[in-house]
Amino acid sequence: MDSLIDPALRVANGELTTVREAMRELNRLIEALDRGDLDKVVLTQRNRMRAVVVSLERFAELEDRAAA
């Protein structure tokens, strides 16, 4: 699966959070995504990027773009 990760992926430090921290701060992270304060939240586990959380609006945009 790691071979699917684009090495040019751009992630700001403020967009990185551990899975554990995200579980504690989920409401705050969702609100920040909804307000547009964050474009994405990249979840890390054992010092590796594991998943990305985006707002529903952003997800719909990505779905539309992928379908085109």
C-alpha atoms as a PDB file:
ATOM      1  CA  MET A   1       0.000   0.000   0.000  1.00  0.00           C
ATOM      2  CA  ASP A   2       2.904   2.364   0.663  1.00  0.00           C
ATOM      3  CA  SER A   3       3.685   2.279  -3.060  1.00  0.00           C
ATOM      4  CA  LEU A   4       0.416   4.168  -3.675  1.00  0.00           C
ATOM      5  CA  ILE A   5       1.569   7.166  -1.632  1.00  0.00           C
ATOM      6  CA  ASP A   6       2.776  10.024  -3.818  1.00  0.00           C
ATOM      7  CA  PRO A   7       6.160  11.180  -2.496  1.00  0.00           C
ATOM      8  CA  ALA A   8       5.231  14.719  -3.589  1.00  0.00           C
ATOM      9  CA  LEU A   9       2.267  14.780  -1.187  1.00  0.00           C
ATOM     10  CA  ARG A  10       2.281  18.159   0.538  1.00  0.00           C
ATOM     11  CA  VAL A  11       1.308  18.183   4.186  1.00  0.00           C
ATOM     12  CA  ALA A  12       1.680  21.133   6.541  1.00  0.00           C
ATOM     13  CA  ASN A  13       2.731  20.447  10.118  1.00  0.00           C
ATOM     14  CA  GLY A  14      -0.627  21.767  11.339  1.00  0.00           C
ATOM     15  CA  GLU A  15      -2.410  19.111   9.279  1.00  0.00           C
ATOM     16  CA  LEU A  16      -0.597  16.214  10.966  1.00  0.00           C
ATOM     17  CA  THR A  17      -1.982  14.520  14.043  1.00  0.00           C
ATOM     18  CA  THR A  18      -1.669  11.128  15.627  1.00  0.00           C
ATOM     19  CA  VAL A  19      -4.633   8.779  15.610  1.00  0.00           C
ATOM     20  CA  ARG A  20      -4.730   8.996  19.405  1.00  0.00           C
ATOM     21  CA  GLU A  21      -4.791  12.810  19.390  1.00  0.00           C
ATOM     22  CA  ALA A  22      -7.446  12.833  16.646  1.00  0.00           C
ATOM     23  CA  MET A  23      -9.667  10.604  18.769  1.00  0.00           C
ATOM     24  CA  ARG A  24      -9.413  13.078  21.651  1.00  0.00           C
ATOM     25  CA  GLU A  25      -9.856  16.156  19.430  1.00  0.00           C
ATOM     26  CA  LEU A  26     -12.290  14.859  16.818  1.00  0.00           C
ATOM     27  CA  ASN A  27     -14.942  17.536  17.391  1.00  0.00           C
ATOM     28  CA  ARG A  28     -12.357  20.325  17.102  1.00  0.00           C
ATOM     29  CA  LEU A  29     -10.863  18.806  13.946  1.00  0.00           C
ATOM     30  CA  ILE A  30     -14.267  18.426  12.273  1.00  0.00           C
ATOM     31  CA  GLU A  31     -15.157  22.011  13.123  1.00  0.00           C
ATOM     32  CA  ALA A  32     -11.829  23.248  11.697  1.00  0.00           C
ATOM     33  CA  LEU A  33     -12.477  21.289   8.479  1.00  0.00           C
ATOM     34  CA  ASP A  34     -16.017  22.681   8.213  1.00  0.00           C
ATOM     35  CA  ARG A  35     -14.815  26.266   8.754  1.00  0.00           C
ATOM     36  CA  GLY A  36     -12.086  25.824   6.153  1.00  0.00           C
ATOM     37  CA  ASP A  37      -9.324  26.367   8.707  1.00  0.00           C
ATOM     38  CA  LEU A  38      -7.903  23.009   7.612  1.00  0.00           C
ATOM     39  CA  ASP A  39      -8.027  21.481   4.128  1.00  0.00           C
ATOM     40  CA  LYS A  40      -7.273  18.019   5.465  1.00  0.00           C
ATOM     41  CA  VAL A  41      -6.104  16.193   8.556  1.00  0.00           C
ATOM     42  CA  VAL A  42      -3.417  13.575   8.028  1.00  0.00           C
ATOM     43  CA  LEU A  43      -3.512  10.857  10.650  1.00  0.00           C
ATOM     44  CA  THR A  44      -0.238   9.293  11.680  1.00  0.00           C
ATOM     45  CA  GLN A  45       0.437   6.054  13.450  1.00  0.00           C
ATOM     46  CA  ARG A  46       3.879   4.875  14.493  1.00  0.00           C
ATOM     47  CA  ASN A  47       5.395   7.917  12.757  1.00  0.00           C
ATOM     48  CA  ARG A  48       3.833   7.012   9.388  1.00  0.00           C
ATOM     49  CA  MET A  49       1.047   8.772   7.523  1.00  0.00           C
ATOM     50  CA  ARG A  50      -1.865   6.362   7.557  1.00  0.00           C
ATOM     51  CA  ALA A  51      -5.073   8.175   6.548  1.00  0.00           C
ATOM     52  CA  VAL A  52      -6.511  11.526   5.500  1.00  0.00           C
ATOM     53  CA  VAL A  53      -9.707  13.104   6.813  1.00  0.00           C
ATOM     54  CA  VAL A  54     -11.460  15.745   4.707  1.00  0.00           C
ATOM     55  CA  SER A  55     -14.764  17.571   5.005  1.00  0.00           C
ATOM     56  CA  LEU A  56     -17.807  16.090   3.308  1.00  0.00           C
ATOM     57  CA  GLU A  57     -17.822  19.034   0.890  1.00  0.00           C
ATOM     58  CA  ARG A  58     -14.197  18.383  -0.108  1.00  0.00           C
ATOM     59  CA  PHE A  59     -14.885  14.662  -0.449  1.00  0.00           C
ATOM     60  CA  ALA A  60     -17.782  15.398  -2.828  1.00  0.00           C
ATOM     61  CA  GLU A  61     -15.480  17.646  -4.891  1.00  0.00           C
ATOM     62  CA  LEU A  62     -12.892  14.874  -5.127  1.00  0.00           C
ATOM     63  CA  GLU A  63     -15.560  12.340  -6.100  1.00  0.00           C
ATOM     64  CA  ASP A  64     -16.854  14.635  -8.843  1.00  0.00           C
ATOM     65  CA  ARG A  65     -13.334  15.229 -10.151  1.00  0.00           C
ATOM     66  CA  ALA A  66     -12.563  11.499 -10.151  1.00  0.00           C
ATOM     67  CA  ALA A  67     -15.771  10.745 -12.075  1.00  0.00           C
ATOM     68  CA  ALA A  68     -14.977  13.291 -14.797  1.00  0.00           C
END
